[in-house]
């Protein structure tokens, strides 16, 4: 008796519905834009004072968030950058928010928790159809 392989891949591939790659790309762009605003806020934009230059961890987190969100927005190095951003937000949640209270609604850490999980999702499933990573992968195959 032979078994046939089923399409159980976690990456959006040729067996996935066409809309799935598009939807993932749209979510990636929206989330990365919102996260870019989060990082730029630490740099002094949006009527908030900048985190002082080279202070740990705030200024470095702002740089990681700004550069990382631009890379995710373009879909370039999506998986490794998403792991880094997920870890950054997990750190923010557990070090900054969690000591204030147990639950995210109590400690105002919902955003950090959501970003951490969303970026972990991008690390696992990839950037979607419309991304530089996808374009570069297709060019290498041809």
Protein backbone atom coordinates (compact mmCIF):
# COMPACT_ATOMS: atom_id res chain seq x y z
CA UNK A 1 0.00 0.00 0.00
CA UNK A 2 1.44 3.37 -0.98
CA UNK A 3 0.81 6.66 0.68
CA UNK A 4 0.58 9.91 -1.18
CA UNK A 5 1.96 13.10 0.25
CA UNK A 6 -0.59 15.73 1.15
CA UNK A 7 -0.11 19.47 1.03
CA UNK A 8 0.58 20.07 4.69
CA UNK A 9 3.38 22.53 4.21
CA UNK A 10 3.40 25.61 6.42
CA UNK A 11 4.61 27.83 3.61
CA UNK A 12 2.21 29.30 1.12
CA UNK A 13 2.98 27.27 -1.96
CA UNK A 14 1.51 26.18 -5.26
CA UNK A 15 -1.03 23.91 -3.55
CA UNK A 16 -2.43 26.71 -1.37
CA UNK A 17 -5.41 28.75 -2.54
CA UNK A 18 -4.29 31.83 -4.52
CA UNK A 19 -5.92 34.22 -2.05
CA UNK A 20 -3.91 32.80 0.86
CA UNK A 21 -0.58 34.25 -0.33
CA UNK A 22 -2.23 37.58 -1.09
CA UNK A 23 -3.92 37.72 2.32
CA UNK A 24 -0.65 36.92 4.09
CA UNK A 25 1.12 39.65 2.11
CA UNK A 26 -1.55 42.22 2.96
CA UNK A 27 -1.43 41.35 6.67
CA UNK A 28 2.39 41.49 6.58
CA UNK A 29 2.35 44.98 5.04
CA UNK A 30 -0.28 46.36 7.43
CA UNK A 31 1.34 44.89 10.56
CA UNK A 32 4.83 46.02 9.54
CA UNK A 33 3.58 49.56 8.82
CA UNK A 34 1.95 49.76 12.25
CA UNK A 35 5.12 48.38 13.83
CA UNK A 36 7.20 50.94 11.88
CA UNK A 37 5.13 53.67 13.52
CA UNK A 38 5.84 52.02 16.89
CA UNK A 39 9.59 52.12 16.22
CA UNK A 40 9.55 55.67 14.82
CA UNK A 41 7.73 56.84 17.92
CA UNK A 42 10.79 55.82 19.96
CA UNK A 43 12.92 57.88 17.57
CA UNK A 44 10.92 61.02 18.43
CA UNK A 45 8.26 61.11 15.74
CA UNK A 46 4.52 61.45 16.32
CA UNK A 47 4.69 64.09 19.09
CA UNK A 48 6.52 61.88 21.55
CA UNK A 49 10.01 62.63 22.87
CA UNK A 50 12.78 60.44 21.49
CA UNK A 51 14.37 57.80 23.65
CA UNK A 52 17.85 59.14 24.50
CA UNK A 53 20.54 58.06 22.04
CA UNK A 54 22.20 54.68 22.74
CA UNK A 55 20.26 53.96 25.95
CA UNK A 56 19.56 50.33 26.75
CA UNK A 57 17.12 48.84 25.89
CA UNK A 58 14.82 51.57 24.57
CA UNK A 59 16.93 53.19 21.88
CA UNK A 60 18.27 49.88 20.56
CA UNK A 61 14.75 48.45 20.55
CA UNK A 62 13.62 51.46 18.51
CA UNK A 63 16.35 50.88 15.94
CA UNK A 64 15.57 47.15 15.73
CA UNK A 65 11.84 47.89 15.41
CA UNK A 66 12.33 50.56 12.73
CA UNK A 67 14.81 48.67 10.55
CA UNK A 68 13.11 45.32 11.12
CA UNK A 69 9.68 46.64 10.22
CA UNK A 70 11.04 48.12 6.98
CA UNK A 71 12.54 44.73 6.06
CA UNK A 72 9.29 42.93 6.91
CA UNK A 73 7.33 45.55 4.97
CA UNK A 74 9.43 44.80 1.87
CA UNK A 75 9.34 41.08 2.57
CA UNK A 76 13.13 40.87 2.67
CA UNK A 77 14.83 38.41 5.07
CA UNK A 78 11.34 37.95 6.47
CA UNK A 79 11.85 34.80 8.51
CA UNK A 80 15.02 35.73 10.45
CA UNK A 81 13.87 39.32 10.96
CA UNK A 82 10.47 38.10 12.16
CA UNK A 83 12.20 35.87 14.74
CA UNK A 84 14.20 38.87 15.96
CA UNK A 85 11.13 41.10 16.17
CA UNK A 86 9.10 38.39 17.88
CA UNK A 87 11.83 38.05 20.49
CA UNK A 88 12.05 41.81 20.91
CA UNK A 89 8.34 42.01 21.64
CA UNK A 90 8.44 38.98 23.94
CA UNK A 91 11.25 40.70 25.88
CA UNK A 92 9.17 43.89 26.02
CA UNK A 93 6.20 41.98 27.32
CA UNK A 94 7.99 40.00 30.01
CA UNK A 95 10.40 42.72 31.17
CA UNK A 96 8.33 45.88 30.79
CA UNK A 97 4.68 44.83 31.06
CA UNK A 98 4.39 41.51 32.88
CA UNK A 99 5.90 42.69 36.19
CA UNK A 100 3.01 45.18 36.53
CA UNK A 101 0.27 42.52 36.49
CA UNK A 102 -0.38 38.94 35.39
CA UNK A 103 -2.75 39.47 32.47
CA UNK A 104 -2.08 41.55 29.34
CA UNK A 105 -5.24 43.60 29.85
CA UNK A 106 -4.05 44.50 33.34
CA UNK A 107 -0.43 45.28 32.45
CA UNK A 108 -1.10 47.07 29.12
CA UNK A 109 0.94 44.50 27.25
CA UNK A 110 -1.64 43.37 24.69
CA UNK A 111 0.15 45.09 21.82
CA UNK A 112 3.54 43.61 22.69
CA UNK A 113 2.02 40.13 23.01
CA UNK A 114 0.14 40.42 19.72
CA UNK A 115 3.18 41.68 17.81
CA UNK A 116 5.28 38.88 19.27
CA UNK A 117 2.85 36.19 18.12
CA UNK A 118 2.21 37.76 14.71
CA UNK A 119 5.93 38.01 13.95
CA UNK A 120 6.37 34.42 15.10
CA UNK A 121 3.68 33.48 12.59
CA UNK A 122 5.60 35.24 9.79
CA UNK A 123 8.75 33.40 10.87
CA UNK A 124 6.93 30.09 10.44
CA UNK A 125 4.79 30.66 7.32
CA UNK A 126 6.93 33.16 5.42
CA UNK A 127 6.14 36.48 3.79
CA UNK A 128 3.35 35.57 1.37
CA UNK A 129 3.17 35.90 -2.40
CA UNK A 130 4.07 39.57 -2.80
CA UNK A 131 7.47 39.93 -1.14
CA UNK A 132 11.07 40.38 -2.19
CA UNK A 133 11.94 37.02 -0.59
CA UNK A 134 9.40 35.31 -2.86
CA UNK A 135 10.65 37.16 -5.93
CA UNK A 136 14.29 36.28 -5.17
CA UNK A 137 13.40 32.62 -4.55
CA UNK A 138 11.58 32.43 -7.91
CA UNK A 139 14.55 33.97 -9.73
CA UNK A 140 16.96 31.47 -8.19
CA UNK A 141 14.77 28.58 -9.38
CA UNK A 142 14.70 29.82 -12.98
